[in-house]
């Protein structure tokens, strides 16, 4: 019977040479995990920034709508028997010379007129919610200064001349 050689050298015996082993392979998981972490961080920051932007814009829109809601003060519109309300709307365009003006009648129609400036027009709207707009384009050698929309005596919108056109628009939510 043979015995396996002892693993430790005997006293006085030479130490056997150590054979070089395979080189230790470095793991590739570290750089991959770092890249994934950076991508996730960028995505989270992007989503957070996008969410902040949309919430900010939504807040501003809500504030604008709330600020444009009609009051219940003495200038509040009168209710008709059918549940709608009657509003007095006044359009005004200031300037000198002549201009072509397009304005909404409030009942879904529009009117196109060529007028001497300054100009104003009063209409009655029988609706709870409606949109208003007035657009003015000056004729040759005419100037436009501004426009306004007044509802039930309260000025709601003003506009300024830009790109050879004057525009005022307003949506009324009763």
N, C-alpha and C. Protein backbone atom coordinates (compact mmCIF):
# COMPACT_ATOMS: atom_id res chain seq x y z
N UNK A 1 0.83 -1.14 0.00
CA UNK A 1 0.00 0.00 0.00
C UNK A 1 0.89 1.22 0.00
N UNK A 2 0.47 2.14 -0.82
CA UNK A 2 1.29 3.34 -0.91
C UNK A 2 0.54 4.49 -0.28
N UNK A 3 1.29 5.31 0.30
CA UNK A 3 0.70 6.49 0.94
C UNK A 3 0.97 7.71 0.06
N UNK A 4 0.05 8.62 0.07
CA UNK A 4 0.31 9.84 -0.71
C UNK A 4 1.44 10.62 -0.08
N UNK A 5 2.15 11.32 -0.89
CA UNK A 5 3.28 12.06 -0.34
C UNK A 5 2.77 13.13 0.62
N UNK A 6 3.53 13.38 1.64
CA UNK A 6 3.09 14.39 2.59
C UNK A 6 3.03 15.76 1.92
N UNK A 7 2.09 16.55 2.34
CA UNK A 7 1.91 17.86 1.72
C UNK A 7 2.97 18.83 2.22
N UNK A 8 3.42 18.65 3.41
CA UNK A 8 4.46 19.52 3.92
C UNK A 8 5.80 18.82 3.73
N UNK A 9 6.81 19.57 3.35
CA UNK A 9 8.12 18.93 3.19
C UNK A 9 8.65 18.49 4.55
N UNK A 10 9.37 17.40 4.52
CA UNK A 10 10.00 16.86 5.73
C UNK A 10 11.16 17.75 6.12
N UNK A 11 11.46 17.77 7.38
CA UNK A 11 12.61 18.58 7.77
C UNK A 11 13.86 18.13 7.02
N UNK A 12 14.58 19.09 6.50
CA UNK A 12 15.80 18.83 5.77
C UNK A 12 15.58 18.59 4.30
N UNK A 13 14.37 18.42 3.88
CA UNK A 13 14.04 18.22 2.46
C UNK A 13 13.88 19.58 1.79
N UNK A 14 14.24 19.69 0.51
CA UNK A 14 14.03 20.97 -0.18
C UNK A 14 12.53 21.25 -0.41
N UNK A 15 12.19 22.52 -0.43
CA UNK A 15 10.80 22.95 -0.65
C UNK A 15 10.51 22.86 -2.15
N UNK A 16 9.44 22.16 -2.52
CA UNK A 16 9.15 22.07 -3.96
C UNK A 16 8.77 23.45 -4.52
N UNK A 17 9.12 23.70 -5.76
CA UNK A 17 8.81 25.00 -6.34
C UNK A 17 7.29 25.19 -6.49
N UNK A 18 6.87 26.42 -6.32
CA UNK A 18 5.45 26.77 -6.45
C UNK A 18 5.18 27.08 -7.92
N UNK A 19 4.20 26.42 -8.45
CA UNK A 19 3.89 26.64 -9.85
C UNK A 19 2.91 27.82 -9.96
N UNK A 20 3.14 28.70 -10.92
CA UNK A 20 2.23 29.84 -11.07
C UNK A 20 0.84 29.36 -11.48
N UNK A 21 -0.18 29.92 -10.86
CA UNK A 21 -1.55 29.54 -11.19
C UNK A 21 -2.13 30.47 -12.23
N UNK A 22 -3.35 30.26 -12.52
CA UNK A 22 -4.05 31.13 -13.46
C UNK A 22 -4.11 32.55 -12.88
N UNK A 23 -3.97 33.60 -13.72
CA UNK A 23 -4.11 34.95 -13.19
C UNK A 23 -5.56 35.17 -12.74
N UNK A 24 -5.72 35.94 -11.70
CA UNK A 24 -7.04 36.22 -11.16
C UNK A 24 -7.76 37.15 -12.13
N UNK A 25 -8.94 36.73 -12.57
CA UNK A 25 -9.71 37.57 -13.49
C UNK A 25 -10.52 38.57 -12.69
N UNK A 26 -10.46 39.80 -13.16
CA UNK A 26 -11.23 40.85 -12.50
C UNK A 26 -12.68 40.75 -12.98
N UNK A 27 -13.59 41.08 -12.10
CA UNK A 27 -15.01 41.02 -12.42
C UNK A 27 -15.38 42.22 -13.28
N UNK A 28 -16.20 41.99 -14.29
CA UNK A 28 -16.68 43.07 -15.15
C UNK A 28 -18.01 43.63 -14.63
N UNK A 29 -18.48 43.12 -13.55
CA UNK A 29 -19.77 43.55 -13.01
C UNK A 29 -19.70 44.98 -12.45
N UNK A 30 -18.60 45.39 -11.89
CA UNK A 30 -18.48 46.72 -11.29
C UNK A 30 -18.75 47.84 -12.27
N UNK A 31 -18.04 47.89 -13.41
CA UNK A 31 -18.31 48.97 -14.38
C UNK A 31 -19.74 48.91 -14.95
N UNK A 32 -20.26 47.72 -15.15
CA UNK A 32 -21.62 47.59 -15.68
C UNK A 32 -22.63 48.13 -14.67
N UNK A 33 -22.44 47.79 -13.41
CA UNK A 33 -23.34 48.29 -12.36
C UNK A 33 -23.24 49.81 -12.26
N UNK A 34 -22.03 50.35 -12.39
CA UNK A 34 -21.86 51.80 -12.32
C UNK A 34 -22.58 52.49 -13.48
N UNK A 35 -22.50 51.94 -14.68
CA UNK A 35 -23.16 52.52 -15.85
C UNK A 35 -24.68 52.48 -15.65
N UNK A 36 -25.20 51.37 -15.18
CA UNK A 36 -26.63 51.25 -14.94
C UNK A 36 -27.08 52.26 -13.88
N UNK A 37 -26.29 52.43 -12.83
CA UNK A 37 -26.63 53.37 -11.77
C UNK A 37 -26.67 54.81 -12.31
N UNK A 38 -25.70 55.16 -13.15
CA UNK A 38 -25.67 56.51 -13.72
C UNK A 38 -26.88 56.73 -14.63
N UNK A 39 -27.21 55.75 -15.46
CA UNK A 39 -28.37 55.88 -16.35
C UNK A 39 -29.65 56.04 -15.53
N UNK A 40 -29.82 55.25 -14.48
CA UNK A 40 -31.00 55.36 -13.62
C UNK A 40 -31.05 56.73 -12.93
N UNK A 41 -29.92 57.22 -12.50
CA UNK A 41 -29.87 58.53 -11.85
C UNK A 41 -30.30 59.63 -12.83
N UNK A 42 -29.78 59.58 -14.05
CA UNK A 42 -30.14 60.57 -15.06
C UNK A 42 -31.63 60.49 -15.38
N UNK A 43 -32.17 59.27 -15.51
CA UNK A 43 -33.60 59.12 -15.78
C UNK A 43 -34.44 59.66 -14.63
N UNK A 44 -34.04 59.37 -13.41
CA UNK A 44 -34.80 59.87 -12.25
C UNK A 44 -34.77 61.39 -12.19
N UNK A 45 -33.61 61.98 -12.42
CA UNK A 45 -33.51 63.44 -12.41
C UNK A 45 -34.33 64.05 -13.53
N UNK A 46 -34.29 63.42 -14.71
CA UNK A 46 -35.07 63.92 -15.84
C UNK A 46 -36.56 63.84 -15.57
N UNK A 47 -37.01 62.72 -15.03
CA UNK A 47 -38.44 62.57 -14.70
C UNK A 47 -38.84 63.55 -13.60
N UNK A 48 -38.01 63.71 -12.61
CA UNK A 48 -38.32 64.65 -11.53
C UNK A 48 -38.39 66.07 -12.04
N UNK A 49 -37.45 66.44 -12.90
CA UNK A 49 -37.46 67.79 -13.47
C UNK A 49 -38.66 68.00 -14.37
N UNK A 50 -39.00 66.99 -15.17
CA UNK A 50 -40.19 67.08 -16.03
C UNK A 50 -41.46 67.20 -15.22
N UNK A 51 -41.56 66.40 -14.17
CA UNK A 51 -42.74 66.46 -13.30
C UNK A 51 -42.85 67.83 -12.64
N UNK A 52 -41.74 68.37 -12.18
CA UNK A 52 -41.75 69.70 -11.56
C UNK A 52 -42.25 70.74 -12.56
N UNK A 53 -41.73 70.68 -13.80
CA UNK A 53 -42.11 71.64 -14.83
C UNK A 53 -43.61 71.56 -15.11
N UNK A 54 -44.15 70.35 -15.28
CA UNK A 54 -45.57 70.21 -15.58
C UNK A 54 -46.44 70.66 -14.40
N UNK A 55 -46.04 70.36 -13.16
CA UNK A 55 -46.79 70.82 -12.01
C UNK A 55 -46.74 72.35 -11.90
N UNK A 56 -45.60 72.93 -12.22
CA UNK A 56 -45.46 74.39 -12.19
C UNK A 56 -46.40 75.02 -13.22
N UNK A 57 -46.39 74.48 -14.46
CA UNK A 57 -47.25 75.02 -15.50
C UNK A 57 -48.73 74.83 -15.15
N UNK A 58 -49.07 73.68 -14.58
CA UNK A 58 -50.46 73.43 -14.19
C UNK A 58 -50.89 74.42 -13.10
N UNK A 59 -50.01 74.69 -12.16
CA UNK A 59 -50.32 75.63 -11.08
C UNK A 59 -50.56 77.02 -11.66
N UNK A 60 -49.71 77.45 -12.60
CA UNK A 60 -49.87 78.76 -13.22
C UNK A 60 -51.20 78.84 -13.99
N UNK A 61 -51.55 77.76 -14.69
CA UNK A 61 -52.79 77.74 -15.45
C UNK A 61 -53.99 77.84 -14.52
N UNK A 62 -53.95 77.09 -13.43
CA UNK A 62 -55.04 77.15 -12.46
C UNK A 62 -55.14 78.55 -11.87
N UNK A 63 -54.02 79.17 -11.54
CA UNK A 63 -54.05 80.53 -11.00
C UNK A 63 -54.65 81.50 -12.01
N UNK A 64 -54.28 81.35 -13.30
CA UNK A 64 -54.83 82.23 -14.33
C UNK A 64 -56.34 82.05 -14.46
N UNK A 65 -56.81 80.80 -14.43
CA UNK A 65 -58.24 80.55 -14.53
C UNK A 65 -58.96 81.14 -13.33
N UNK A 66 -58.43 80.91 -12.13
CA UNK A 66 -59.06 81.43 -10.92
C UNK A 66 -59.09 82.95 -10.94
N UNK A 67 -58.01 83.58 -11.39
CA UNK A 67 -57.97 85.04 -11.44
C UNK A 67 -58.93 85.63 -12.46
N UNK A 68 -59.32 84.83 -13.47
CA UNK A 68 -60.22 85.32 -14.51
C UNK A 68 -61.67 84.92 -14.28
N UNK A 69 -61.96 84.24 -13.17
CA UNK A 69 -63.35 83.88 -12.89
C UNK A 69 -64.13 85.13 -12.53
N UNK A 70 -65.42 85.16 -12.90
CA UNK A 70 -66.21 86.33 -12.57
C UNK A 70 -66.47 86.42 -11.08
N UNK A 71 -66.61 87.65 -10.61
CA UNK A 71 -66.88 87.86 -9.20
C UNK A 71 -68.38 87.87 -8.97
N UNK A 72 -68.78 87.85 -7.73
CA UNK A 72 -70.20 87.92 -7.42
C UNK A 72 -70.54 89.30 -6.88
N UNK A 73 -69.74 90.30 -7.21
CA UNK A 73 -69.95 91.66 -6.74
C UNK A 73 -71.05 92.36 -7.51
N UNK A 74 -71.09 93.69 -7.42
CA UNK A 74 -72.16 94.45 -8.07
C UNK A 74 -72.13 94.37 -9.59
N UNK A 75 -70.98 94.02 -10.19
CA UNK A 75 -70.89 93.91 -11.63
C UNK A 75 -71.21 92.51 -12.12
N UNK A 76 -71.71 91.65 -11.25
CA UNK A 76 -72.00 90.27 -11.64
C UNK A 76 -73.11 90.26 -12.69
N UNK A 77 -73.06 89.30 -13.61
CA UNK A 77 -74.06 89.24 -14.68
C UNK A 77 -75.44 88.88 -14.14
N UNK A 78 -76.47 89.22 -14.94
CA UNK A 78 -77.85 88.94 -14.56
C UNK A 78 -78.26 87.58 -15.11
N UNK A 79 -78.96 86.77 -14.30
CA UNK A 79 -79.43 85.46 -14.75
C UNK A 79 -80.74 85.60 -15.51
N UNK A 80 -80.87 84.85 -16.61
CA UNK A 80 -82.12 84.77 -17.34
C UNK A 80 -82.94 83.62 -16.75
N UNK A 81 -84.18 83.50 -17.19
CA UNK A 81 -85.03 82.41 -16.71
C UNK A 81 -84.55 81.05 -17.19
N UNK A 82 -83.82 80.99 -18.31
CA UNK A 82 -83.39 79.69 -18.85
C UNK A 82 -82.05 79.24 -18.29
N UNK A 83 -81.50 79.90 -17.30
CA UNK A 83 -80.25 79.46 -16.67
C UNK A 83 -79.00 80.09 -17.27
N UNK A 84 -79.12 80.72 -18.45
CA UNK A 84 -77.95 81.39 -19.01
C UNK A 84 -77.85 82.79 -18.40
N UNK A 85 -76.81 83.49 -18.73
CA UNK A 85 -76.61 84.83 -18.19
C UNK A 85 -76.43 85.81 -19.33
N UNK A 86 -76.75 87.06 -19.05
CA UNK A 86 -76.60 88.13 -20.04
C UNK A 86 -75.38 88.95 -19.66
N UNK A 87 -74.47 89.13 -20.63
CA UNK A 87 -73.25 89.90 -20.41
C UNK A 87 -73.16 91.01 -21.44
N UNK A 88 -72.65 92.15 -21.01
CA UNK A 88 -72.38 93.25 -21.92
C UNK A 88 -70.88 93.25 -22.19
N UNK A 89 -70.53 93.12 -23.47
CA UNK A 89 -69.12 93.05 -23.88
C UNK A 89 -68.80 94.29 -24.71
N UNK A 90 -67.67 94.91 -24.41
CA UNK A 90 -67.24 96.07 -25.19
C UNK A 90 -65.84 95.80 -25.72
N UNK A 91 -65.72 95.86 -27.05
CA UNK A 91 -64.41 95.78 -27.71
C UNK A 91 -63.94 97.21 -27.97
N UNK A 92 -62.64 97.45 -27.86
CA UNK A 92 -62.09 98.76 -28.19
C UNK A 92 -60.73 98.58 -28.85
N UNK A 93 -60.47 99.37 -29.90
CA UNK A 93 -59.18 99.38 -30.59
C UNK A 93 -58.77 100.84 -30.70
N UNK A 94 -57.54 101.15 -30.26
CA UNK A 94 -57.05 102.52 -30.32
C UNK A 94 -55.96 102.64 -31.38
N UNK A 95 -55.85 103.83 -31.93
CA UNK A 95 -54.85 104.10 -32.94
C UNK A 95 -55.30 105.27 -33.80
N UNK A 96 -54.64 105.47 -34.95
CA UNK A 96 -55.01 106.54 -35.87
C UNK A 96 -55.11 105.96 -37.27
N UNK A 97 -55.98 106.56 -38.09
CA UNK A 97 -56.16 106.09 -39.46
C UNK A 97 -57.31 105.10 -39.55
N UNK A 98 -57.15 104.12 -40.46
CA UNK A 98 -58.19 103.11 -40.68
C UNK A 98 -57.61 101.72 -40.42
N UNK A 99 -58.51 100.80 -40.08
CA UNK A 99 -58.10 99.42 -39.85
C UNK A 99 -59.23 98.47 -40.21
N UNK A 100 -58.86 97.28 -40.60
CA UNK A 100 -59.84 96.22 -40.80
C UNK A 100 -59.93 95.46 -39.48
N UNK A 101 -61.14 95.28 -38.98
CA UNK A 101 -61.32 94.66 -37.67
C UNK A 101 -62.23 93.45 -37.82
N UNK A 102 -61.82 92.37 -37.18
CA UNK A 102 -62.62 91.14 -37.11
C UNK A 102 -62.89 90.90 -35.63
N UNK A 103 -64.17 90.74 -35.27
CA UNK A 103 -64.46 90.48 -33.86
C UNK A 103 -65.53 89.40 -33.74
N UNK A 104 -65.46 88.66 -32.64
CA UNK A 104 -66.44 87.60 -32.37
C UNK A 104 -67.69 88.23 -31.79
N UNK A 105 -68.85 87.76 -32.26
CA UNK A 105 -70.11 88.27 -31.76
C UNK A 105 -70.48 87.63 -30.43
N UNK A 106 -69.79 86.57 -30.04
CA UNK A 106 -70.09 85.91 -28.78
C UNK A 106 -71.11 84.80 -28.94
N UNK A 107 -71.84 84.78 -30.05
CA UNK A 107 -72.84 83.74 -30.29
C UNK A 107 -72.35 82.75 -31.34
N UNK A 108 -71.06 82.74 -31.59
CA UNK A 108 -70.50 81.81 -32.57
C UNK A 108 -70.20 82.47 -33.90
N UNK A 109 -70.73 83.65 -34.15
CA UNK A 109 -70.48 84.32 -35.41
C UNK A 109 -69.36 85.34 -35.28
N UNK A 110 -69.02 85.96 -36.41
CA UNK A 110 -68.01 87.00 -36.38
C UNK A 110 -68.43 88.11 -37.34
N UNK A 111 -67.84 89.26 -37.15
CA UNK A 111 -68.12 90.43 -37.97
C UNK A 111 -66.80 90.98 -38.48
N UNK A 112 -66.77 91.39 -39.74
CA UNK A 112 -65.59 92.01 -40.33
C UNK A 112 -65.98 93.41 -40.79
N UNK A 113 -65.26 94.43 -40.30
CA UNK A 113 -65.57 95.81 -40.64
C UNK A 113 -64.27 96.58 -40.90
N UNK A 114 -64.36 97.60 -41.75
CA UNK A 114 -63.26 98.54 -41.94
C UNK A 114 -63.72 99.86 -41.31
N UNK A 115 -62.91 100.36 -40.36
CA UNK A 115 -63.36 101.49 -39.54
C UNK A 115 -62.27 102.55 -39.41
N UNK A 116 -62.73 103.75 -38.99
CA UNK A 116 -61.80 104.79 -38.58
C UNK A 116 -61.45 104.55 -37.12
N UNK A 117 -60.19 104.80 -36.77
CA UNK A 117 -59.73 104.60 -35.39
C UNK A 117 -59.77 105.92 -34.63
N UNK A 118 -60.00 105.92 -33.35
CA UNK A 118 -60.27 104.78 -32.47
C UNK A 118 -61.67 104.22 -32.72
N UNK A 119 -61.86 102.93 -32.34
CA UNK A 119 -63.11 102.22 -32.60
C UNK A 119 -63.53 101.47 -31.35
N UNK A 120 -64.84 101.35 -31.13
CA UNK A 120 -65.36 100.49 -30.07
C UNK A 120 -66.69 99.92 -30.53
N UNK A 121 -67.01 98.78 -29.99
CA UNK A 121 -68.26 98.09 -30.33
C UNK A 121 -68.77 97.40 -29.08
N UNK A 122 -70.06 97.56 -28.80
CA UNK A 122 -70.67 96.91 -27.64
C UNK A 122 -71.64 95.85 -28.14
N UNK A 123 -71.55 94.65 -27.56
CA UNK A 123 -72.45 93.56 -27.92
C UNK A 123 -73.01 92.95 -26.64
N UNK A 124 -74.10 92.24 -26.78
CA UNK A 124 -74.69 91.51 -25.66
C UNK A 124 -74.55 90.03 -25.93
N UNK A 125 -74.09 89.29 -24.93
CA UNK A 125 -73.90 87.85 -25.05
C UNK A 125 -74.79 87.17 -24.03
N UNK A 126 -75.61 86.21 -24.49
CA UNK A 126 -76.50 85.46 -23.61
C UNK A 126 -75.96 84.04 -23.46
N UNK A 127 -74.91 83.89 -22.69
CA UNK A 127 -74.31 82.58 -22.47
C UNK A 127 -73.57 82.59 -21.14
N UNK A 128 -73.42 81.42 -20.58
CA UNK A 128 -72.68 81.30 -19.32
C UNK A 128 -71.17 81.30 -19.59
N UNK A 129 -70.75 80.59 -20.63
CA UNK A 129 -69.34 80.49 -21.02
C UNK A 129 -69.23 80.90 -22.49
N UNK A 130 -68.21 81.67 -22.83
CA UNK A 130 -68.05 82.09 -24.22
C UNK A 130 -66.62 82.59 -24.45
N UNK A 131 -66.24 82.61 -25.71
CA UNK A 131 -64.93 83.12 -26.11
C UNK A 131 -65.08 84.40 -26.90
N UNK A 132 -64.12 85.30 -26.71
CA UNK A 132 -64.15 86.60 -27.38
C UNK A 132 -62.80 86.85 -28.03
N UNK A 133 -62.83 87.51 -29.18
CA UNK A 133 -61.58 87.90 -29.81
C UNK A 133 -61.83 89.12 -30.69
N UNK A 134 -60.83 89.97 -30.76
CA UNK A 134 -60.85 91.09 -31.70
C UNK A 134 -59.46 91.15 -32.32
N UNK A 135 -59.45 91.23 -33.66
CA UNK A 135 -58.19 91.29 -34.42
C UNK A 135 -58.27 92.52 -35.30
N UNK A 136 -57.20 93.32 -35.30
CA UNK A 136 -57.17 94.53 -36.12
C UNK A 136 -55.91 94.54 -36.97
N UNK A 137 -56.08 94.89 -38.25
CA UNK A 137 -54.95 95.02 -39.18
C UNK A 137 -55.01 96.44 -39.76
N UNK A 138 -53.95 97.22 -39.58
CA UNK A 138 -54.01 98.61 -40.05
C UNK A 138 -53.91 98.71 -41.57
N UNK A 139 -54.56 99.74 -42.09
CA UNK A 139 -54.39 100.04 -43.51
C UNK A 139 -53.13 100.89 -43.67
N UNK A 140 -52.75 101.17 -44.92
CA UNK A 140 -51.54 101.93 -45.21
C UNK A 140 -51.56 103.28 -44.48
N UNK A 141 -50.43 103.66 -43.90
CA UNK A 141 -50.26 104.92 -43.17
C UNK A 141 -51.15 105.03 -41.93
N UNK A 142 -51.56 103.91 -41.37
CA UNK A 142 -52.34 103.90 -40.13
C UNK A 142 -51.50 103.25 -39.03
N UNK A 143 -51.83 103.58 -37.78
CA UNK A 143 -51.12 102.98 -36.65
C UNK A 143 -52.14 102.43 -35.66
N UNK A 144 -51.76 101.33 -35.05
CA UNK A 144 -52.57 100.71 -34.00
C UNK A 144 -51.80 100.81 -32.70
N UNK A 145 -52.51 101.20 -31.62
CA UNK A 145 -51.85 101.34 -30.31
C UNK A 145 -52.18 100.19 -29.37
N UNK A 146 -53.43 99.76 -29.34
CA UNK A 146 -53.81 98.71 -28.40
C UNK A 146 -55.26 98.32 -28.58
N UNK A 147 -55.65 97.28 -27.85
CA UNK A 147 -57.04 96.84 -27.87
C UNK A 147 -57.43 96.40 -26.47
N UNK A 148 -58.74 96.29 -26.23
CA UNK A 148 -59.21 95.83 -24.93
C UNK A 148 -60.54 95.13 -25.09
N UNK A 149 -60.81 94.24 -24.13
CA UNK A 149 -62.10 93.57 -24.03
C UNK A 149 -62.61 93.82 -22.62
N UNK A 150 -63.80 94.38 -22.53
CA UNK A 150 -64.43 94.67 -21.24
C UNK A 150 -65.71 93.85 -21.16
N UNK A 151 -65.91 93.16 -20.02
CA UNK A 151 -67.12 92.36 -19.81
C UNK A 151 -67.82 92.87 -18.56
N UNK A 152 -69.07 93.26 -18.73
CA UNK A 152 -69.89 93.76 -17.62
C UNK A 152 -69.18 94.88 -16.85
N UNK A 153 -68.49 95.76 -17.58
CA UNK A 153 -67.84 96.92 -16.98
C UNK A 153 -66.44 96.67 -16.44
N UNK A 154 -65.97 95.43 -16.45
CA UNK A 154 -64.62 95.12 -15.94
C UNK A 154 -63.70 94.77 -17.11
N UNK A 155 -62.59 95.49 -17.20
CA UNK A 155 -61.65 95.22 -18.28
C UNK A 155 -60.98 93.87 -18.03
N UNK A 156 -61.07 92.96 -19.00
CA UNK A 156 -60.57 91.59 -18.84
C UNK A 156 -59.28 91.34 -19.60
N UNK A 157 -59.10 92.00 -20.74
CA UNK A 157 -57.94 91.70 -21.57
C UNK A 157 -57.51 92.93 -22.33
N UNK A 158 -56.19 93.10 -22.43
CA UNK A 158 -55.64 94.15 -23.29
C UNK A 158 -54.60 93.49 -24.19
N UNK A 159 -54.33 94.13 -25.29
CA UNK A 159 -53.33 93.60 -26.21
C UNK A 159 -52.50 94.72 -26.78
N UNK A 160 -51.41 94.36 -27.43
CA UNK A 160 -50.54 95.34 -28.05
C UNK A 160 -50.28 94.94 -29.49
N UNK A 161 -49.87 95.93 -30.28
CA UNK A 161 -49.58 95.73 -31.69
C UNK A 161 -48.29 94.94 -31.87
N UNK A 162 -48.35 93.86 -32.65
CA UNK A 162 -47.16 93.04 -32.88
C UNK A 162 -47.31 92.34 -34.22
N UNK A 163 -46.25 92.32 -35.03
CA UNK A 163 -46.24 91.65 -36.34
C UNK A 163 -47.36 92.14 -37.25
N UNK A 164 -47.57 93.45 -37.29
CA UNK A 164 -48.55 94.11 -38.14
C UNK A 164 -49.99 93.69 -37.85
N UNK A 165 -50.23 93.13 -36.66
CA UNK A 165 -51.57 92.72 -36.25
C UNK A 165 -51.77 93.02 -34.77
N UNK A 166 -52.99 93.37 -34.43
CA UNK A 166 -53.36 93.61 -33.04
C UNK A 166 -54.37 92.54 -32.67
N UNK A 167 -54.15 91.86 -31.55
CA UNK A 167 -55.02 90.74 -31.18
C UNK A 167 -55.31 90.76 -29.70
N UNK A 168 -56.59 90.66 -29.35
CA UNK A 168 -57.04 90.47 -27.97
C UNK A 168 -58.00 89.28 -27.97
N UNK A 169 -57.78 88.33 -27.10
CA UNK A 169 -58.66 87.18 -26.96
C UNK A 169 -58.90 86.90 -25.50
N UNK A 170 -60.11 86.41 -25.20
CA UNK A 170 -60.44 86.12 -23.80
C UNK A 170 -61.52 85.02 -23.77
N UNK A 171 -61.38 84.09 -22.84
CA UNK A 171 -62.39 83.05 -22.64
C UNK A 171 -63.05 83.32 -21.30
N UNK A 172 -64.38 83.49 -21.33
CA UNK A 172 -65.15 83.78 -20.12
C UNK A 172 -65.78 82.49 -19.62
N UNK A 173 -65.51 82.16 -18.37
CA UNK A 173 -66.09 80.97 -17.74
C UNK A 173 -67.00 81.44 -16.62
N UNK A 174 -68.30 81.38 -16.86
CA UNK A 174 -69.27 81.88 -15.89
C UNK A 174 -69.56 80.86 -14.91
